Amino acid sequence: MTHVLLLGGTSGASQLAQALHRGGVPAVFSYAGVTQSPVAQLLPTRIGGFGGAEGLAQFIRSERITHVVDATHPFAAQMSRNACAACDATGTPLLALERAPWQPQAGDRWIEVPDMAGAAAALPQEAARVFLAVGRKQLAAFAERPAHHYLLRLVDAPEPGSLPLPDTTVVLGRGPFSAHDDEALLRTHRIGWLVAKNAGGEATRGKLEAARALGLPIVMVQRPVLPERARTEDVAAVLHWIAHGALPGAGAAISAASGA
């Protein structure tokens, strides 16, 4: 009997959860537990880690998981690596539901860097007002550049004194965010630089369009390198894979879709 483990945390994961529920496909939705109030799902939901790749493999065995779909954030690298290792150890088919990365457009002023340390180093020496759109867990690298004022947009309000940056303004919000609203945000806070992770998708693209409209430089952190695995951007393709053992148009058997 089919039993899907959906590793979530993205809008695509929520769309897939809805599709699985509508189709009556037995599945469990797993959140990492990063946010205090994650989006409610129609599927049975678990929150928290598994205890590394070995713990995930044990969960797969104990819950008789037949398919794993990794729809975590493109920068949730350790979870994705654990999924690859656990599925390899248990012989469980794995598919990544992964949105394509953004590509620079005409008028963009991108500075592409490999990681957060590179992003901090790419900022100017003189004090600047920076929209740091990289998530709460990635702030420590910028403590090395305390001269800047940082605008942070977080899902949950931080505890007093918990931020590693001395000069910040925090706004709360959960995407999607429109280009119009993000341009207003950048103007209101007199932002001169944007730092972003190349997450792809539509929910947070607005900040890139806003920065382009204002002629602002964007320090773009590239995605971490992950093990090779089967992947798609399409929710319908995931459903086809679960039902038929291969992505649409692919002749590979279900065992070949397990990733490495």
Protein backbone atom coordinates (compact mmCIF):
# COMPACT_ATOMS: atom_id res chain seq x y z
CA MET A 1 0.00 0.00 0.00
CA THR A 2 1.27 3.46 -0.89
CA HIS A 3 2.39 5.64 2.02
CA VAL A 4 4.13 8.91 1.12
CA LEU A 5 6.46 10.93 3.32
CA LEU A 6 6.36 14.57 2.23
CA LEU A 7 9.23 16.64 3.57
CA GLY A 8 7.74 20.11 3.48
CA GLY A 9 8.39 23.74 4.11
CA THR A 10 7.68 25.37 0.73
CA SER A 11 4.55 26.55 -1.06
CA GLY A 12 5.04 23.66 -3.49
CA ALA A 13 4.89 21.23 -0.57
CA SER A 14 1.57 22.72 0.52
CA GLN A 15 0.20 22.43 -3.02
CA LEU A 16 1.29 18.80 -3.18
CA ALA A 17 -0.24 18.09 0.23
CA GLN A 18 -3.57 19.41 -1.03
CA ALA A 19 -3.31 17.28 -4.17
CA LEU A 20 -2.47 14.14 -2.17
CA HIS A 21 -5.42 14.80 0.14
CA ARG A 22 -7.81 15.31 -2.78
CA GLY A 23 -6.56 12.12 -4.40
CA GLY A 24 -6.92 10.09 -1.22
CA VAL A 25 -3.22 9.15 -1.24
CA PRO A 26 -2.04 8.11 2.25
CA ALA A 27 0.72 10.48 3.27
CA VAL A 28 2.34 12.24 6.20
CA PHE A 29 3.63 15.82 6.05
CA SER A 30 6.84 16.60 7.93
CA TYR A 31 7.89 20.09 9.05
CA ALA A 32 11.36 20.80 10.35
CA GLY A 33 9.95 22.98 13.12
CA VAL A 34 11.86 26.14 12.18
CA THR A 35 8.82 28.44 12.45
CA GLN A 36 6.62 28.70 15.52
CA SER A 37 3.35 28.53 13.59
CA PRO A 38 3.75 26.58 10.34
CA VAL A 39 0.98 26.56 7.75
CA ALA A 40 -1.72 24.04 8.70
CA GLN A 41 -1.96 21.07 6.34
CA LEU A 42 -4.77 18.70 5.38
CA LEU A 43 -2.47 15.70 5.83
CA PRO A 44 -1.37 14.13 9.11
CA THR A 45 1.55 16.29 10.22
CA ARG A 46 4.69 15.76 12.26
CA ILE A 47 7.04 18.54 13.40
CA GLY A 48 10.71 18.22 14.24
CA GLY A 49 13.83 16.44 13.11
CA PHE A 50 14.31 12.72 12.62
CA GLY A 51 17.74 12.34 14.20
CA GLY A 52 19.85 12.50 11.07
CA ALA A 53 19.88 10.10 8.15
CA GLU A 54 19.76 7.03 10.39
CA GLY A 55 16.73 8.35 12.26
CA LEU A 56 14.98 9.14 8.99
CA ALA A 57 15.74 5.65 7.69
CA GLN A 58 14.23 4.17 10.85
CA PHE A 59 11.12 6.32 10.42
CA ILE A 60 10.78 5.15 6.82
CA ARG A 61 10.95 1.53 7.94
CA SER A 62 8.67 1.86 10.96
CA GLU A 63 6.00 3.84 9.13
CA ARG A 64 6.26 1.65 6.02
CA ILE A 65 6.95 4.62 3.79
CA THR A 66 6.87 3.68 0.11
CA HIS A 67 7.79 7.06 -1.44
CA VAL A 68 9.66 10.12 -0.15
CA VAL A 69 9.12 13.54 -1.71
CA ASP A 70 11.65 16.19 -0.72
CA ALA A 71 9.85 19.53 -1.01
CA THR A 72 12.00 21.33 1.53
CA HIS A 73 13.52 24.75 0.91
CA PRO A 74 16.39 24.66 -1.64
CA PHE A 75 18.74 25.80 1.15
CA ALA A 76 17.69 23.05 3.59
CA ALA A 77 20.76 21.18 2.45
CA GLN A 78 21.27 18.87 5.43
CA MET A 79 17.69 17.60 5.31
CA SER A 80 17.99 16.91 1.60
CA ARG A 81 21.30 15.09 2.10
CA ASN A 82 19.76 13.03 4.90
CA ALA A 83 16.82 12.15 2.65
CA CYS A 84 19.18 10.93 -0.06
CA ALA A 85 21.14 8.82 2.40
CA ALA A 86 18.06 7.38 4.13
CA CYS A 87 16.33 6.50 0.87
CA ASP A 88 19.50 4.89 -0.42
CA ALA A 89 19.83 2.85 2.79
CA THR A 90 16.20 1.67 2.71
CA GLY A 91 15.77 1.34 -1.05
CA THR A 92 12.93 3.87 -0.97
CA PRO A 93 12.15 5.91 -4.11
CA LEU A 94 12.95 9.61 -3.66
CA LEU A 95 11.82 12.56 -5.74
CA ALA A 96 12.62 16.24 -5.18
CA LEU A 97 9.88 18.78 -5.83
CA GLU A 98 12.23 21.67 -6.49
CA ARG A 99 11.55 25.04 -8.09
CA ALA A 100 14.03 26.33 -10.62
CA PRO A 101 16.51 28.98 -9.43
CA TRP A 102 16.01 32.59 -10.46
CA GLN A 103 18.01 33.91 -13.39
CA PRO A 104 19.23 37.51 -13.71
CA GLN A 105 17.13 39.69 -16.00
CA ALA A 106 17.95 42.80 -18.01
CA GLY A 107 18.57 45.64 -15.58
CA ASP A 108 19.55 43.41 -12.67
CA ARG A 109 22.74 44.18 -10.73
CA TRP A 110 23.56 40.77 -9.28
CA ILE A 111 26.70 39.92 -7.33
CA GLU A 112 26.66 36.11 -7.16
CA VAL A 113 28.38 34.52 -4.15
CA PRO A 114 28.66 30.90 -3.00
CA ASP A 115 27.64 31.27 0.65
CA MET A 116 26.71 33.63 3.48
CA ALA A 117 30.32 34.49 4.30
CA GLY A 118 30.75 35.55 0.69
CA ALA A 119 27.56 37.61 0.89
CA ALA A 120 28.81 39.48 3.96
CA ALA A 121 32.15 40.12 2.29
CA ALA A 122 30.42 41.48 -0.84
CA LEU A 123 28.75 44.33 1.06
CA PRO A 124 30.46 47.73 0.92
CA GLN A 125 32.95 48.82 3.55
CA GLU A 126 31.07 52.02 4.28
CA ALA A 127 27.85 51.88 6.31
CA ALA A 128 24.81 50.97 4.21
CA ARG A 129 21.15 50.10 4.69
CA VAL A 130 20.74 46.45 3.75
CA PHE A 131 17.59 44.36 3.29
CA LEU A 132 18.88 41.02 4.57
CA ALA A 133 16.33 38.58 3.10
CA VAL A 134 18.10 35.35 4.04
CA GLY A 135 16.09 34.01 6.98
CA ARG A 136 16.77 34.08 10.67
CA LYS A 137 19.16 31.11 10.78
CA GLN A 138 21.65 32.76 8.41
CA LEU A 139 22.33 36.01 10.24
CA ALA A 140 25.53 35.14 12.10
CA ALA A 141 27.78 35.65 9.08
CA PHE A 142 26.77 39.32 8.95
CA ALA A 143 27.84 39.98 12.53
CA GLU A 144 31.27 40.51 10.98
CA ARG A 145 29.85 43.60 9.24
CA PRO A 146 28.25 45.51 12.14
CA ALA A 147 28.49 48.94 10.51
CA HIS A 148 25.43 48.32 8.36
CA HIS A 149 21.79 48.78 9.29
CA TYR A 150 19.92 45.58 8.47
CA LEU A 151 16.25 45.27 7.60
CA LEU A 152 15.00 41.78 8.46
CA ARG A 153 11.67 40.26 7.39
CA LEU A 154 10.86 37.30 9.62
CA VAL A 155 7.89 34.99 10.04
CA ASP A 156 8.15 34.96 13.84
CA ALA A 157 9.08 37.83 16.15
CA PRO A 158 12.57 37.30 17.61
CA GLU A 159 13.14 37.08 21.34
CA PRO A 160 14.68 40.28 22.78
CA GLY A 161 18.44 40.17 22.44
CA SER A 162 18.44 37.04 20.28
CA LEU A 163 19.64 38.62 17.05
CA PRO A 164 23.41 38.64 16.41
CA LEU A 165 23.29 42.02 14.64
CA PRO A 166 23.54 45.28 16.59
CA ASP A 167 21.56 47.57 14.26
CA THR A 168 18.37 46.06 12.86
CA THR A 169 14.77 46.78 11.97
CA VAL A 170 12.45 43.76 11.99
CA VAL A 171 9.22 43.50 10.02
CA LEU A 172 7.02 40.42 10.27
CA GLY A 173 5.42 38.73 7.29
CA ARG A 174 4.80 35.49 5.47
CA GLY A 175 4.90 35.39 1.64
CA PRO A 176 3.83 35.77 -1.03
CA PHE A 177 4.98 39.38 -1.34
CA SER A 178 4.18 41.54 -4.36
CA ALA A 179 6.76 43.64 -6.21
CA HIS A 180 4.64 46.72 -5.46
CA ASP A 181 4.66 46.07 -1.72
CA ASP A 182 8.35 45.20 -1.69
CA GLU A 183 9.24 48.37 -3.56
CA ALA A 184 7.32 50.34 -0.96
CA LEU A 185 9.20 48.48 1.78
CA LEU A 186 12.58 49.27 0.22
CA ARG A 187 11.68 52.93 -0.22
CA THR A 188 10.28 53.30 3.29
CA HIS A 189 13.45 51.91 4.86
CA ARG A 190 15.79 53.68 2.40
CA ILE A 191 17.43 50.40 1.44
CA GLY A 192 20.58 50.56 -0.69
CA TRP A 193 21.47 46.85 -0.91
CA LEU A 194 19.57 43.56 -1.03
CA VAL A 195 20.96 40.19 0.06
CA ALA A 196 18.92 37.17 -1.02
CA LYS A 197 19.16 33.40 -1.34
CA ASN A 198 18.43 32.03 -4.81
CA ALA A 199 15.34 30.18 -3.65
CA GLY A 200 13.41 30.48 -6.92
CA GLY A 201 9.62 30.49 -7.14
CA GLU A 202 7.06 33.25 -7.21
CA ALA A 203 6.27 33.86 -3.54
CA THR A 204 9.34 36.01 -2.87
CA ARG A 205 10.31 37.12 -6.37
CA GLY A 206 8.82 40.56 -5.68
CA LYS A 207 11.92 41.79 -3.85
CA LEU A 208 14.04 41.13 -6.95
CA GLU A 209 11.65 43.06 -9.16
CA ALA A 210 11.56 45.87 -6.62
CA ALA A 211 15.35 46.04 -6.46
CA ARG A 212 15.53 46.07 -10.27
CA ALA A 213 13.04 48.94 -10.43
CA LEU A 214 15.10 50.93 -7.94
CA GLY A 215 18.45 50.04 -9.49
CA LEU A 216 19.75 48.40 -6.32
CA PRO A 217 22.59 45.86 -6.24
CA ILE A 218 21.57 42.34 -5.20
CA VAL A 219 24.00 40.00 -3.47
CA MET A 220 22.64 36.61 -4.58
CA VAL A 221 23.69 33.55 -2.59
CA GLN A 222 23.79 30.46 -4.77
CA ARG A 223 22.25 27.14 -3.79
CA PRO A 224 24.25 24.50 -1.94
CA VAL A 225 25.40 21.49 -3.93
CA LEU A 226 23.26 18.41 -3.27
CA PRO A 227 23.58 14.74 -4.26
CA GLU A 228 22.18 13.84 -7.66
CA ARG A 229 18.51 12.84 -7.46
CA ALA A 230 15.37 12.76 -9.56
CA ARG A 231 13.56 16.09 -9.48
CA THR A 232 10.64 18.01 -10.92
CA GLU A 233 8.97 21.41 -10.55
CA ASP A 234 5.47 20.07 -11.26
CA VAL A 235 3.03 18.79 -8.62
CA ALA A 236 1.15 16.78 -11.25
CA ALA A 237 4.39 15.06 -12.20
CA VAL A 238 4.90 14.00 -8.57
CA LEU A 239 1.45 12.41 -8.54
CA HIS A 240 2.24 10.60 -11.80
CA TRP A 241 5.52 9.36 -10.30
CA ILE A 242 3.75 8.02 -7.20
CA ALA A 243 1.09 6.26 -9.29
CA HIS A 244 3.24 4.94 -12.14
CA GLY A 245 6.80 4.69 -10.87
CA ALA A 246 8.31 7.22 -13.25
CA LEU A 247 8.04 10.86 -14.16
CA PRO A 248 5.84 11.68 -17.19
CA GLY A 249 7.69 10.85 -20.36
CA ALA A 250 10.38 8.89 -18.53
CA GLY A 251 10.83 5.19 -18.97
CA ALA A 252 12.73 4.68 -15.73
CA ALA A 253 11.34 2.17 -13.27
CA ILE A 254 10.45 3.33 -9.79
CA SER A 255 13.68 1.95 -8.33
CA ALA A 256 15.69 4.17 -10.66
CA ALA A 257 13.95 7.26 -9.30
CA SER A 258 15.29 6.80 -5.80
CA GLY A 259 18.22 9.17 -6.24
CA ALA A 260 21.75 8.70 -5.02
